[in-house]
Amino acid sequence: MKMLYGALAFGAALSMTAMVPTAMAQDFYEGKTVTVILPHTPAGGHGHYSRMIQPFLQKHLKAKEVRLEFHPGAGSLLGTNLIWKARPDGSTIGFVVAAAPAMAQLAESPGVQYNFPDFVFLGNAIQEPKAIWVGKDSKFQDAKALVNSTEEFRSASQGTDDDFYAMNVIAKTLNFPIKFITGYEGEADIFLATIKGDSDGYMSSYTNQRAAMENGEINMLLAMAPEPIPQVPNAPSVLSLVPEGTDTTALRTIMNVQLSGRAFIGPPGMEPEAVEAMRAGIKAALEDPELQQLAKDQQRPIIWVSGESDQEKAKQIGEGASALTPILKEAVEQIR
C-alpha cells in the first residue's frame, strides 16, 4: 500500500513556513494568475462553492486572475493527480472534497499517484457530515428496516469516490446487502436516477440535498455522523444502529474522512512563502463579510478551518488505515 503516514517532508516545510515574515508573503500573489484545479464536475455542489468563493479569493490574494479548472473523472483521481504533479511555486492549487482522494488511497485504488498527507493543506471552506438519501417512493424509508432487510440496497455511484467507499463500510458494519450502480457523471445524474426509481439511494451532504428534501423529492435515511444532523433529527446516526460488540474502528475512521470537508490543497514541497500567502488569502476570503452574506443567501454555509488543522486530520485518518483498507479493497473488487 502507498504509505499514508509520516509526512515528515511536509512537517519540515511547515517549520520553514513559520519562519517567513508575514510582510514578505502578503503580496506574493499580487498581479499573478492562480489556477485552481477541481477534480469534480462543475454542476455539483462543489462547483457551486468554487464559483461563489472564486472572486473573493482573487480579491484577497490581489491576484490578476483566479482561474477554475474542472477535471472530473476516475472518482476524482484525474484532477487530484494533476494537483499532486503541479509546480510547487504556488501558481496551481486544488479545491477538493478531501474525502475522495483520502479514501482512494486507503483503498489502494488503481491510478492513485499521490501520498495524501504530503499535500500542503491550505484551508477549508466547510466540514459537514453526510447522509444516506432515498427517493420518496423508495421501499427503504426506515433505517432499521434497511439494517434488517434481505433485499439489496441499490446505490447509485459515479465510481470509486468517497461516497462509494463510505456506503461499503456502512453496509459491512451494519450487515445489509448492497449493490452499486456505477457510471453516473455526478450528483445531478445520481439524484435523477434515484427519484426515477433506478436507484434506491445515495450518499451526499445535507447542504447539497436540502432543497430536494424540502421539495419532498427525497428523504434522509441515515446520518453519517456521531449524532443525528440537527436539521433532520428523525434520521438516526449510523452509530446508533451498530450491533452490540461490533468493532467500529473502520466506521469511525471513515466518518472522520467524510468530515474532511471542502479543502484547498497544494502540491508537495510548495514554496513556504506561497503557502503562507495562500493560507492568509483563503482565510481572508472565507471570512469576508460579503461572501458570508452571499453564502447565507445561497444556503451554502462557509466556516473557515485552518490548513494546519486539516493536516492533523489527515494524520488521524492515516492512523485508522489498517482497519479500513481490507474493506475498501474488497469494495473496489466488486465493481471491476
C-alpha atoms as a PDB file:
ATOM      1  CA  MET A   1       0.000   0.000   0.000  1.00  0.00           C
ATOM      2  CA  LYS A   2       1.190   3.511  -0.706  1.00  0.00           C
ATOM      3  CA  MET A   3       2.149   4.852   2.709  1.00  0.00           C
ATOM      4  CA  LEU A   4      -0.363   7.156   4.359  1.00  0.00           C
ATOM      5  CA  TYR A   5       1.833   8.105   7.291  1.00  0.00           C
ATOM      6  CA  GLY A   6       4.787  10.258   8.220  1.00  0.00           C
ATOM      7  CA  ALA A   7       4.534  13.467   6.237  1.00  0.00           C
ATOM      8  CA  LEU A   8       7.997  14.398   7.504  1.00  0.00           C
ATOM      9  CA  ALA A   9       8.929  16.451   4.472  1.00  0.00           C
ATOM     10  CA  PHE A  10       5.737  18.433   4.847  1.00  0.00           C
ATOM     11  CA  GLY A  11       6.423  18.944   8.546  1.00  0.00           C
ATOM     12  CA  ALA A  12       9.780  20.458   7.638  1.00  0.00           C
ATOM     13  CA  ALA A  13       8.070  22.708   5.122  1.00  0.00           C
ATOM     14  CA  LEU A  14       5.687  23.892   7.842  1.00  0.00           C
ATOM     15  CA  SER A  15       8.623  24.811  10.058  1.00  0.00           C
ATOM     16  CA  MET A  16      10.207  26.789   7.249  1.00  0.00           C
ATOM     17  CA  THR A  17       6.898  28.487   6.565  1.00  0.00           C
ATOM     18  CA  ALA A  18       6.593  29.576  10.167  1.00  0.00           C
ATOM     19  CA  MET A  19       9.923  31.420   9.879  1.00  0.00           C
ATOM     20  CA  VAL A  20       8.865  33.514   6.870  1.00  0.00           C
ATOM     21  CA  PRO A  21       7.823  37.026   7.955  1.00  0.00           C
ATOM     22  CA  THR A  22       4.260  37.845   7.009  1.00  0.00           C
ATOM     23  CA  ALA A  23       5.341  41.105   5.405  1.00  0.00           C
ATOM     24  CA  MET A  24       7.342  39.144   2.815  1.00  0.00           C
ATOM     25  CA  ALA A  25       4.404  36.918   1.892  1.00  0.00           C
ATOM     26  CA  GLN A  26       1.363  39.180   1.988  1.00  0.00           C
ATOM     27  CA  ASP A  27       1.758  40.424  -1.605  1.00  0.00           C
ATOM     28  CA  PHE A  28       3.161  37.190  -3.026  1.00  0.00           C
ATOM     29  CA  TYR A  29       0.248  36.691  -5.444  1.00  0.00           C
ATOM     30  CA  GLU A  30      -0.267  40.326  -6.427  1.00  0.00           C
ATOM     31  CA  GLY A  31      -0.719  40.570 -10.198  1.00  0.00           C
ATOM     32  CA  LYS A  32      -0.301  36.811 -10.723  1.00  0.00           C
ATOM     33  CA  THR A  33      -2.628  34.184 -12.186  1.00  0.00           C
ATOM     34  CA  VAL A  34      -3.603  31.296  -9.933  1.00  0.00           C
ATOM     35  CA  THR A  35      -5.135  28.098 -11.301  1.00  0.00           C
ATOM     36  CA  VAL A  36      -7.455  26.134  -9.005  1.00  0.00           C
ATOM     37  CA  ILE A  37      -7.991  22.532 -10.100  1.00  0.00           C
ATOM     38  CA  LEU A  38     -11.277  20.908  -9.108  1.00  0.00           C
ATOM     39  CA  PRO A  39     -11.490  17.108  -9.508  1.00  0.00           C
ATOM     40  CA  HIS A  40     -15.294  17.308  -9.676  1.00  0.00           C
ATOM     41  CA  THR A  41     -17.996  18.293 -12.143  1.00  0.00           C
ATOM     42  CA  PRO A  42     -18.963  21.976 -12.431  1.00  0.00           C
ATOM     43  CA  ALA A  43     -22.643  21.099 -11.972  1.00  0.00           C
ATOM     44  CA  GLY A  44     -22.386  19.671  -8.440  1.00  0.00           C
ATOM     45  CA  GLY A  45     -22.393  21.323  -5.043  1.00  0.00           C
ATOM     46  CA  HIS A  46     -18.614  21.674  -5.029  1.00  0.00           C
ATOM     47  CA  GLY A  47     -18.765  23.527  -8.322  1.00  0.00           C
ATOM     48  CA  HIS A  48     -21.240  25.987  -6.824  1.00  0.00           C
ATOM     49  CA  TYR A  49     -18.991  26.529  -3.816  1.00  0.00           C
ATOM     50  CA  SER A  50     -15.946  27.146  -6.008  1.00  0.00           C
ATOM     51  CA  ARG A  51     -17.687  29.737  -8.181  1.00  0.00           C
ATOM     52  CA  MET A  52     -19.023  31.506  -5.114  1.00  0.00           C
ATOM     53  CA  ILE A  53     -15.586  31.700  -3.480  1.00  0.00           C
ATOM     54  CA  GLN A  54     -13.503  32.445  -6.594  1.00  0.00           C
ATOM     55  CA  PRO A  55     -13.933  36.256  -6.833  1.00  0.00           C
ATOM     56  CA  PHE A  56     -13.229  36.706  -3.119  1.00  0.00           C
ATOM     57  CA  LEU A  57     -10.090  34.608  -3.277  1.00  0.00           C
ATOM     58  CA  GLN A  58      -8.925  36.673  -6.246  1.00  0.00           C
ATOM     59  CA  LYS A  59      -9.647  39.847  -4.305  1.00  0.00           C
ATOM     60  CA  HIS A  60      -7.775  38.882  -1.152  1.00  0.00           C
ATOM     61  CA  LEU A  61      -4.789  37.371  -2.960  1.00  0.00           C
ATOM     62  CA  LYS A  62      -4.630  40.554  -5.060  1.00  0.00           C
ATOM     63  CA  ALA A  63      -4.251  38.166  -7.973  1.00  0.00           C
ATOM     64  CA  LYS A  64      -4.650  39.156 -11.608  1.00  0.00           C
ATOM     65  CA  GLU A  65      -6.914  36.137 -12.044  1.00  0.00           C
ATOM     66  CA  VAL A  66      -8.033  33.061 -10.120  1.00  0.00           C
ATOM     67  CA  ARG A  67      -8.918  30.541 -12.789  1.00  0.00           C
ATOM     68  CA  LEU A  68     -11.106  27.495 -12.081  1.00  0.00           C
ATOM     69  CA  GLU A  69     -10.353  24.298 -13.997  1.00  0.00           C
ATOM     70  CA  PHE A  70     -12.688  21.316 -13.637  1.00  0.00           C
ATOM     71  CA  HIS A  71     -11.102  17.893 -14.199  1.00  0.00           C
ATOM     72  CA  PRO A  72     -13.677  15.251 -13.188  1.00  0.00           C
ATOM     73  CA  GLY A  73     -13.034  11.585 -13.735  1.00  0.00           C
ATOM     74  CA  ALA A  74     -11.979   8.324 -12.091  1.00  0.00           C
ATOM     75  CA  GLY A  75     -13.719   9.192  -8.834  1.00  0.00           C
ATOM     76  CA  SER A  76     -11.722  12.446  -8.533  1.00  0.00           C
ATOM     77  CA  LEU A  77      -8.329  10.795  -9.214  1.00  0.00           C
ATOM     78  CA  LEU A  78      -7.752  12.557 -12.512  1.00  0.00           C
ATOM     79  CA  GLY A  79      -7.837  16.041 -11.024  1.00  0.00           C
ATOM     80  CA  THR A  80      -6.153  15.070  -7.755  1.00  0.00           C
ATOM     81  CA  ASN A  81      -3.180  13.606  -9.621  1.00  0.00           C
ATOM     82  CA  LEU A  82      -2.868  16.869 -11.552  1.00  0.00           C
ATOM     83  CA  ILE A  83      -2.683  18.811  -8.275  1.00  0.00           C
ATOM     84  CA  TRP A  84      -0.003  16.422  -6.984  1.00  0.00           C
ATOM     85  CA  LYS A  85       2.126  16.981 -10.107  1.00  0.00           C
ATOM     86  CA  ALA A  86       1.696  20.776 -10.200  1.00  0.00           C
ATOM     87  CA  ARG A  87       4.702  23.067  -9.901  1.00  0.00           C
ATOM     88  CA  PRO A  88       5.329  23.907  -6.225  1.00  0.00           C
ATOM     89  CA  ASP A  89       5.579  27.631  -6.907  1.00  0.00           C
ATOM     90  CA  GLY A  90       2.009  28.264  -5.713  1.00  0.00           C
ATOM     91  CA  SER A  91       0.634  29.041  -9.166  1.00  0.00           C
ATOM     92  CA  THR A  92      -1.570  25.913  -9.142  1.00  0.00           C
ATOM     93  CA  ILE A  93      -3.517  24.572  -6.186  1.00  0.00           C
ATOM     94  CA  GLY A  94      -6.596  22.393  -5.767  1.00  0.00           C
ATOM     95  CA  PHE A  95     -10.023  22.697  -4.201  1.00  0.00           C
ATOM     96  CA  VAL A  96     -11.256  19.222  -3.363  1.00  0.00           C
ATOM     97  CA  VAL A  97     -13.827  17.268  -1.444  1.00  0.00           C
ATOM     98  CA  ALA A  98     -10.930  15.895   0.586  1.00  0.00           C
ATOM     99  CA  ALA A  99     -12.610  12.620   1.476  1.00  0.00           C
ATOM    100  CA  ALA A 100     -12.396  11.389  -2.125  1.00  0.00           C
ATOM    101  CA  PRO A 101      -8.582  11.361  -2.516  1.00  0.00           C
ATOM    102  CA  ALA A 102      -8.102  10.129   1.042  1.00  0.00           C
ATOM    103  CA  MET A 103     -10.436   7.189   0.500  1.00  0.00           C
ATOM    104  CA  ALA A 104      -8.953   6.307  -2.876  1.00  0.00           C
ATOM    105  CA  GLN A 105      -5.515   5.890  -1.333  1.00  0.00           C
ATOM    106  CA  LEU A 106      -6.807   3.963   1.661  1.00  0.00           C
ATOM    107  CA  ALA A 107      -8.481   1.561  -0.765  1.00  0.00           C
ATOM    108  CA  GLU A 108      -5.319   1.236  -2.842  1.00  0.00           C
ATOM    109  CA  SER A 109      -7.389   2.315  -5.801  1.00  0.00           C
ATOM    110  CA  PRO A 110      -5.636   1.956  -9.179  1.00  0.00           C
ATOM    111  CA  GLY A 111      -4.472   5.269 -10.519  1.00  0.00           C
ATOM    112  CA  VAL A 112      -3.507   6.908  -7.207  1.00  0.00           C
ATOM    113  CA  GLN A 113      -0.257   8.798  -7.831  1.00  0.00           C
ATOM    114  CA  TYR A 114      -0.049  10.771  -4.579  1.00  0.00           C
ATOM    115  CA  ASN A 115       0.505  10.385  -0.842  1.00  0.00           C
ATOM    116  CA  PHE A 116      -2.413  12.172   0.764  1.00  0.00           C
ATOM    117  CA  PRO A 117      -0.721  13.622   3.903  1.00  0.00           C
ATOM    118  CA  ASP A 118       2.055  15.105   1.753  1.00  0.00           C
ATOM    119  CA  PHE A 119      -0.332  17.547   0.113  1.00  0.00           C
ATOM    120  CA  VAL A 120       0.046  21.036   1.573  1.00  0.00           C
ATOM    121  CA  PHE A 121      -3.227  21.832   3.313  1.00  0.00           C
ATOM    122  CA  LEU A 122      -4.150  25.485   2.863  1.00  0.00           C
ATOM    123  CA  GLY A 123      -7.577  25.941   4.426  1.00  0.00           C
ATOM    124  CA  ASN A 124     -11.085  24.532   4.390  1.00  0.00           C
ATOM    125  CA  ALA A 125     -14.411  26.079   3.421  1.00  0.00           C
ATOM    126  CA  ILE A 126     -16.639  23.813   5.476  1.00  0.00           C
ATOM    127  CA  GLN A 127     -16.689  20.440   7.163  1.00  0.00           C
ATOM    128  CA  GLU A 128     -20.125  18.876   7.297  1.00  0.00           C
ATOM    129  CA  PRO A 129     -21.460  15.345   7.788  1.00  0.00           C
ATOM    130  CA  LYS A 130     -23.015  13.328   5.013  1.00  0.00           C
ATOM    131  CA  ALA A 131     -26.105  11.134   4.976  1.00  0.00           C
ATOM    132  CA  ILE A 132     -27.834   8.401   3.014  1.00  0.00           C
ATOM    133  CA  TRP A 133     -30.718   9.763   0.945  1.00  0.00           C
ATOM    134  CA  VAL A 134     -33.579   7.815  -0.647  1.00  0.00           C
ATOM    135  CA  GLY A 135     -36.314   8.703  -3.110  1.00  0.00           C
ATOM    136  CA  LYS A 136     -39.733   9.488  -1.696  1.00  0.00           C
ATOM    137  CA  ASP A 137     -41.120   6.285  -3.247  1.00  0.00           C
ATOM    138  CA  SER A 138     -38.245   4.030  -2.190  1.00  0.00           C
ATOM    139  CA  LYS A 139     -39.125   0.917  -0.217  1.00  0.00           C
ATOM    140  CA  PHE A 140     -36.339   1.904   2.196  1.00  0.00           C
ATOM    141  CA  GLN A 141     -37.851   4.687   4.296  1.00  0.00           C
ATOM    142  CA  ASP A 142     -36.776   3.428   7.697  1.00  0.00           C
ATOM    143  CA  ALA A 143     -33.148   2.956   8.728  1.00  0.00           C
ATOM    144  CA  LYS A 144     -33.896  -0.016  10.968  1.00  0.00           C
ATOM    145  CA  ALA A 145     -35.793  -1.682   8.136  1.00  0.00           C
ATOM    146  CA  LEU A 146     -32.733  -1.240   5.935  1.00  0.00           C
ATOM    147  CA  VAL A 147     -30.499  -2.943   8.512  1.00  0.00           C
ATOM    148  CA  ASN A 148     -32.891  -5.900   8.761  1.00  0.00           C
ATOM    149  CA  SER A 149     -33.535  -6.178   5.018  1.00  0.00           C
ATOM    150  CA  THR A 150     -32.523  -9.198   2.941  1.00  0.00           C
ATOM    151  CA  GLU A 151     -33.012  -7.221  -0.272  1.00  0.00           C
ATOM    152  CA  GLU A 152     -30.082  -5.405  -1.834  1.00  0.00           C
ATOM    153  CA  PHE A 153     -29.918  -1.660  -1.381  1.00  0.00           C
ATOM    154  CA  ARG A 154     -29.158  -0.341  -4.877  1.00  0.00           C
ATOM    155  CA  SER A 155     -26.820   2.610  -4.524  1.00  0.00           C
ATOM    156  CA  ALA A 156     -26.085   4.956  -7.436  1.00  0.00           C
ATOM    157  CA  SER A 157     -22.426   5.929  -7.706  1.00  0.00           C
ATOM    158  CA  GLN A 158     -20.102   7.847 -10.011  1.00  0.00           C
ATOM    159  CA  GLY A 159     -17.250   5.442  -9.286  1.00  0.00           C
ATOM    160  CA  THR A 160     -14.760   4.879  -6.512  1.00  0.00           C
ATOM    161  CA  ASP A 161     -15.248   8.180  -4.752  1.00  0.00           C
ATOM    162  CA  ASP A 162     -15.555   8.758  -1.003  1.00  0.00           C
ATOM    163  CA  ASP A 163     -19.323   8.175  -1.010  1.00  0.00           C
ATOM    164  CA  PHE A 164     -18.875   4.781  -2.659  1.00  0.00           C
ATOM    165  CA  TYR A 165     -16.367   3.732  -0.021  1.00  0.00           C
ATOM    166  CA  ALA A 166     -18.429   5.088   2.867  1.00  0.00           C
ATOM    167  CA  MET A 167     -21.513   3.205   1.700  1.00  0.00           C
ATOM    168  CA  ASN A 168     -19.468  -0.007   1.612  1.00  0.00           C
ATOM    169  CA  VAL A 169     -18.207   0.462   5.169  1.00  0.00           C
ATOM    170  CA  ILE A 170     -21.722   1.206   6.441  1.00  0.00           C
ATOM    171  CA  ALA A 171     -23.135  -1.888   4.727  1.00  0.00           C
ATOM    172  CA  LYS A 172     -20.296  -4.034   6.067  1.00  0.00           C
ATOM    173  CA  THR A 173     -20.645  -2.734   9.626  1.00  0.00           C
ATOM    174  CA  LEU A 174     -24.450  -2.878   9.732  1.00  0.00           C
ATOM    175  CA  ASN A 175     -24.523  -6.135   7.740  1.00  0.00           C
ATOM    176  CA  PHE A 176     -27.030  -5.371   4.995  1.00  0.00           C
ATOM    177  CA  PRO A 177     -26.665  -6.341   1.297  1.00  0.00           C
ATOM    178  CA  ILE A 178     -25.748  -3.595  -1.145  1.00  0.00           C
ATOM    179  CA  LYS A 179     -25.350  -3.338  -4.909  1.00  0.00           C
ATOM    180  CA  PHE A 180     -23.686  -0.416  -6.680  1.00  0.00           C
ATOM    181  CA  ILE A 181     -24.893   1.040  -9.940  1.00  0.00           C
ATOM    182  CA  THR A 182     -21.905   2.917 -11.327  1.00  0.00           C
ATOM    183  CA  GLY A 183     -21.151   5.164 -14.287  1.00  0.00           C
ATOM    184  CA  TYR A 184     -23.083   8.280 -13.304  1.00  0.00           C
ATOM    185  CA  GLU A 185     -21.434  11.599 -14.122  1.00  0.00           C
ATOM    186  CA  GLY A 186     -22.189  13.419 -10.882  1.00  0.00           C
ATOM    187  CA  GLU A 187     -24.709  14.156  -8.159  1.00  0.00           C
ATOM    188  CA  ALA A 188     -27.279  15.562 -10.570  1.00  0.00           C
ATOM    189  CA  ASP A 189     -27.402  12.264 -12.505  1.00  0.00           C
ATOM    190  CA  ILE A 190     -27.425  10.230  -9.292  1.00  0.00           C
ATOM    191  CA  PHE A 191     -30.308  12.293  -7.926  1.00  0.00           C
ATOM    192  CA  LEU A 192     -32.365  11.798 -11.110  1.00  0.00           C
ATOM    193  CA  ALA A 193     -31.720   8.044 -11.078  1.00  0.00           C
ATOM    194  CA  THR A 194     -32.961   7.858  -7.504  1.00  0.00           C
ATOM    195  CA  ILE A 195     -36.155   9.836  -7.923  1.00  0.00           C
ATOM    196  CA  LYS A 196     -36.930   7.774 -11.057  1.00  0.00           C
ATOM    197  CA  GLY A 197     -36.508   4.571  -9.049  1.00  0.00           C
ATOM    198  CA  ASP A 198     -33.442   3.282 -10.908  1.00  0.00           C
ATOM    199  CA  SER A 199     -31.557   3.536  -7.617  1.00  0.00           C
ATOM    200  CA  ASP A 200     -32.695   3.131  -4.015  1.00  0.00           C
ATOM    201  CA  GLY A 201     -30.428   5.843  -2.697  1.00  0.00           C
ATOM    202  CA  TYR A 202     -27.059   7.522  -2.460  1.00  0.00           C
ATOM    203  CA  MET A 203     -24.808   9.477  -0.119  1.00  0.00           C
ATOM    204  CA  SER A 204     -24.458  13.263  -0.066  1.00  0.00           C
ATOM    205  CA  SER A 205     -24.317  16.212   2.314  1.00  0.00           C
ATOM    206  CA  TYR A 206     -27.302  17.949   3.857  1.00  0.00           C
ATOM    207  CA  THR A 207     -26.338  21.226   2.179  1.00  0.00           C
ATOM    208  CA  ASN A 208     -26.394  19.681  -1.288  1.00  0.00           C
ATOM    209  CA  GLN A 209     -29.721  17.893  -0.789  1.00  0.00           C
ATOM    210  CA  ARG A 210     -31.642  20.290   1.442  1.00  0.00           C
ATOM    211  CA  ALA A 211     -33.711  21.844  -1.365  1.00  0.00           C
ATOM    212  CA  ALA A 212     -34.741  18.476  -2.825  1.00  0.00           C
ATOM    213  CA  MET A 213     -35.694  17.251   0.662  1.00  0.00           C
ATOM    214  CA  GLU A 214     -37.790  20.350   1.313  1.00  0.00           C
ATOM    215  CA  ASN A 215     -39.481  19.822  -2.063  1.00  0.00           C
ATOM    216  CA  GLY A 216     -40.478  16.331  -0.953  1.00  0.00           C
ATOM    217  CA  GLU A 217     -38.446  14.536  -3.622  1.00  0.00           C
ATOM    218  CA  ILE A 218     -36.073  12.694  -1.264  1.00  0.00           C
ATOM    219  CA  ASN A 219     -35.770  11.748   2.394  1.00  0.00           C
ATOM    220  CA  MET A 220     -32.765  11.395   4.682  1.00  0.00           C
ATOM    221  CA  LEU A 221     -32.483   7.789   5.812  1.00  0.00           C
ATOM    222  CA  LEU A 222     -29.334   7.736   7.920  1.00  0.00           C
ATOM    223  CA  ALA A 223     -26.786  10.313   9.159  1.00  0.00           C
ATOM    224  CA  MET A 224     -23.085   9.548   8.727  1.00  0.00           C
ATOM    225  CA  ALA A 225     -22.281  11.380  11.954  1.00  0.00           C
ATOM    226  CA  PRO A 226     -21.879  10.635  15.677  1.00  0.00           C
ATOM    227  CA  GLU A 227     -25.276  12.252  16.302  1.00  0.00           C
ATOM    228  CA  PRO A 228     -28.324  12.981  14.111  1.00  0.00           C
ATOM    229  CA  ILE A 229     -27.954  16.037  11.910  1.00  0.00           C
ATOM    230  CA  PRO A 230     -29.792  18.836  13.800  1.00  0.00           C
ATOM    231  CA  GLN A 231     -31.922  19.882  10.821  1.00  0.00           C
ATOM    232  CA  VAL A 232     -33.234  16.307  10.392  1.00  0.00           C
ATOM    233  CA  PRO A 233     -33.397  14.823  13.904  1.00  0.00           C
ATOM    234  CA  ASN A 234     -35.585  11.885  12.852  1.00  0.00           C
ATOM    235  CA  ALA A 235     -32.791  10.354  10.735  1.00  0.00           C
ATOM    236  CA  PRO A 236     -30.663   8.359  13.199  1.00  0.00           C
ATOM    237  CA  SER A 237     -26.895   8.303  13.434  1.00  0.00           C
ATOM    238  CA  VAL A 238     -25.304   5.280  11.823  1.00  0.00           C
ATOM    239  CA  LEU A 239     -23.552   4.582  15.139  1.00  0.00           C
ATOM    240  CA  SER A 240     -26.891   4.087  16.875  1.00  0.00           C
ATOM    241  CA  LEU A 241     -27.629   1.089  14.632  1.00  0.00           C
ATOM    242  CA  VAL A 242     -24.346  -0.782  15.071  1.00  0.00           C
ATOM    243  CA  PRO A 243     -24.936  -4.226  16.666  1.00  0.00           C
ATOM    244  CA  GLU A 244     -23.545  -4.569  20.174  1.00  0.00           C
ATOM    245  CA  GLY A 245     -19.988  -5.880  20.228  1.00  0.00           C
ATOM    246  CA  THR A 246     -19.188  -4.779  16.662  1.00  0.00           C
ATOM    247  CA  ASP A 247     -15.801  -3.166  16.051  1.00  0.00           C
ATOM    248  CA  THR A 248     -16.486   0.416  14.939  1.00  0.00           C
ATOM    249  CA  THR A 249     -12.882   1.436  14.143  1.00  0.00           C
ATOM    250  CA  ALA A 250     -13.405   1.383  10.384  1.00  0.00           C
ATOM    251  CA  LEU A 251     -16.736   3.183  10.620  1.00  0.00           C
ATOM    252  CA  ARG A 252     -15.389   5.933  12.881  1.00  0.00           C
ATOM    253  CA  THR A 253     -12.315   6.394  10.687  1.00  0.00           C
ATOM    254  CA  ILE A 254     -14.369   6.786   7.549  1.00  0.00           C
ATOM    255  CA  MET A 255     -16.616   9.174   9.432  1.00  0.00           C
ATOM    256  CA  ASN A 256     -13.528  11.343  10.015  1.00  0.00           C
ATOM    257  CA  VAL A 257     -12.754  11.047   6.319  1.00  0.00           C
ATOM    258  CA  GLN A 258     -16.236  12.225   5.407  1.00  0.00           C
ATOM    259  CA  LEU A 259     -15.763  15.218   7.725  1.00  0.00           C
ATOM    260  CA  SER A 260     -12.570  16.295   5.928  1.00  0.00           C
ATOM    261  CA  GLY A 261     -14.619  18.913   4.121  1.00  0.00           C
ATOM    262  CA  ARG A 262     -14.002  21.128   1.115  1.00  0.00           C
ATOM    263  CA  ALA A 263     -10.268  21.686   1.294  1.00  0.00           C
ATOM    264  CA  PHE A 264      -7.786  23.842  -0.561  1.00  0.00           C
ATOM    265  CA  ILE A 265      -4.587  21.847  -1.082  1.00  0.00           C
ATOM    266  CA  GLY A 266      -1.241  22.419  -2.734  1.00  0.00           C
ATOM    267  CA  PRO A 267       1.348  20.069  -4.239  1.00  0.00           C
ATOM    268  CA  PRO A 268       4.112  18.617  -2.061  1.00  0.00           C
ATOM    269  CA  GLY A 269       7.056  20.910  -1.429  1.00  0.00           C
ATOM    270  CA  MET A 270       5.043  24.050  -2.115  1.00  0.00           C
ATOM    271  CA  GLU A 271       7.220  27.100  -1.541  1.00  0.00           C
ATOM    272  CA  PRO A 272       6.882  28.343   2.062  1.00  0.00           C
ATOM    273  CA  GLU A 273       6.206  31.954   1.073  1.00  0.00           C
ATOM    274  CA  ALA A 274       3.457  30.807  -1.297  1.00  0.00           C
ATOM    275  CA  VAL A 275       1.958  28.620   1.450  1.00  0.00           C
ATOM    276  CA  GLU A 276       1.770  31.477   3.931  1.00  0.00           C
ATOM    277  CA  ALA A 277       0.326  33.901   1.423  1.00  0.00           C
ATOM    278  CA  MET A 278      -2.258  31.401   0.158  1.00  0.00           C
ATOM    279  CA  ARG A 279      -3.356  30.424   3.657  1.00  0.00           C
ATOM    280  CA  ALA A 280      -3.793  34.076   4.579  1.00  0.00           C
ATOM    281  CA  GLY A 281      -5.691  34.794   1.365  1.00  0.00           C
ATOM    282  CA  ILE A 282      -8.026  31.817   1.798  1.00  0.00           C
ATOM    283  CA  LYS A 283      -8.778  32.751   5.404  1.00  0.00           C
ATOM    284  CA  ALA A 284      -9.494  36.378   4.454  1.00  0.00           C
ATOM    285  CA  ALA A 285     -11.678  35.308   1.527  1.00  0.00           C
ATOM    286  CA  LEU A 286     -13.753  32.805   3.503  1.00  0.00           C
ATOM    287  CA  GLU A 287     -14.276  35.254   6.363  1.00  0.00           C
ATOM    288  CA  ASP A 288     -15.124  38.176   4.086  1.00  0.00           C
ATOM    289  CA  PRO A 289     -18.499  39.552   5.301  1.00  0.00           C
ATOM    290  CA  GLU A 290     -19.760  39.903   1.737  1.00  0.00           C
ATOM    291  CA  LEU A 291     -19.020  36.253   0.980  1.00  0.00           C
ATOM    292  CA  GLN A 292     -20.549  35.182   4.286  1.00  0.00           C
ATOM    293  CA  GLN A 293     -23.776  37.006   3.367  1.00  0.00           C
ATOM    294  CA  LEU A 294     -23.760  35.509  -0.126  1.00  0.00           C
ATOM    295  CA  ALA A 295     -23.244  32.050   1.344  1.00  0.00           C
ATOM    296  CA  LYS A 296     -26.140  32.618   3.725  1.00  0.00           C
ATOM    297  CA  ASP A 297     -28.378  33.798   0.858  1.00  0.00           C
ATOM    298  CA  GLN A 298     -27.487  30.712  -1.189  1.00  0.00           C
ATOM    299  CA  GLN A 299     -27.822  28.446   1.873  1.00  0.00           C
ATOM    300  CA  ARG A 300     -24.295  27.130   1.316  1.00  0.00           C
ATOM    301  CA  PRO A 301     -22.611  27.752   4.670  1.00  0.00           C
ATOM    302  CA  ILE A 302     -18.925  28.628   4.869  1.00  0.00           C
ATOM    303  CA  ILE A 303     -16.919  28.085   8.042  1.00  0.00           C
ATOM    304  CA  TRP A 304     -13.155  28.533   7.659  1.00  0.00           C
ATOM    305  CA  VAL A 305     -10.918  25.785   9.057  1.00  0.00           C
ATOM    306  CA  SER A 306      -7.132  26.192   9.057  1.00  0.00           C
ATOM    307  CA  GLY A 307      -4.745  24.211   6.899  1.00  0.00           C
ATOM    308  CA  GLU A 308      -2.826  23.159   9.986  1.00  0.00           C
ATOM    309  CA  SER A 309      -5.988  21.612  11.407  1.00  0.00           C
ATOM    310  CA  ASP A 310      -6.598  19.740   8.166  1.00  0.00           C
ATOM    311  CA  GLN A 311      -3.053  18.409   8.228  1.00  0.00           C
ATOM    312  CA  GLU A 312      -3.657  16.912  11.671  1.00  0.00           C
ATOM    313  CA  LYS A 313      -6.907  15.340  10.470  1.00  0.00           C
ATOM    314  CA  ALA A 314      -5.041  13.701   7.576  1.00  0.00           C
ATOM    315  CA  LYS A 315      -2.638  12.178  10.079  1.00  0.00           C
ATOM    316  CA  GLN A 316      -5.525  10.802  12.165  1.00  0.00           C
ATOM    317  CA  ILE A 317      -7.117   9.271   9.089  1.00  0.00           C
ATOM    318  CA  GLY A 318      -3.866   7.503   8.339  1.00  0.00           C
ATOM    319  CA  GLU A 319      -3.800   6.001  11.807  1.00  0.00           C
ATOM    320  CA  GLY A 320      -7.074   4.162  11.092  1.00  0.00           C
ATOM    321  CA  ALA A 321      -5.902   2.805   7.747  1.00  0.00           C
ATOM    322  CA  SER A 322      -5.303  -0.777   8.899  1.00  0.00           C
ATOM    323  CA  ALA A 323      -8.957  -1.230   9.866  1.00  0.00           C
ATOM    324  CA  LEU A 324     -10.316   0.366   6.712  1.00  0.00           C
ATOM    325  CA  THR A 325      -8.103  -0.879   3.911  1.00  0.00           C
ATOM    326  CA  PRO A 326      -9.316  -4.510   3.726  1.00  0.00           C
ATOM    327  CA  ILE A 327     -12.940  -3.359   3.487  1.00  0.00           C
ATOM    328  CA  LEU A 328     -12.156  -0.774   0.848  1.00  0.00           C
ATOM    329  CA  LYS A 329     -10.070  -3.119  -1.286  1.00  0.00           C
ATOM    330  CA  GLU A 330     -12.961  -5.599  -1.241  1.00  0.00           C
ATOM    331  CA  ALA A 331     -15.283  -2.794  -2.327  1.00  0.00           C
ATOM    332  CA  VAL A 332     -13.141  -1.947  -5.355  1.00  0.00           C
ATOM    333  CA  GLU A 333     -13.144  -5.598  -6.439  1.00  0.00           C
ATOM    334  CA  GLN A 334     -16.948  -5.543  -6.518  1.00  0.00           C
ATOM    335  CA  ILE A 335     -17.079  -3.141  -9.451  1.00  0.00           C
ATOM    336  CA  ARG A 336     -14.127  -4.343 -11.545  1.00  0.00           C
END
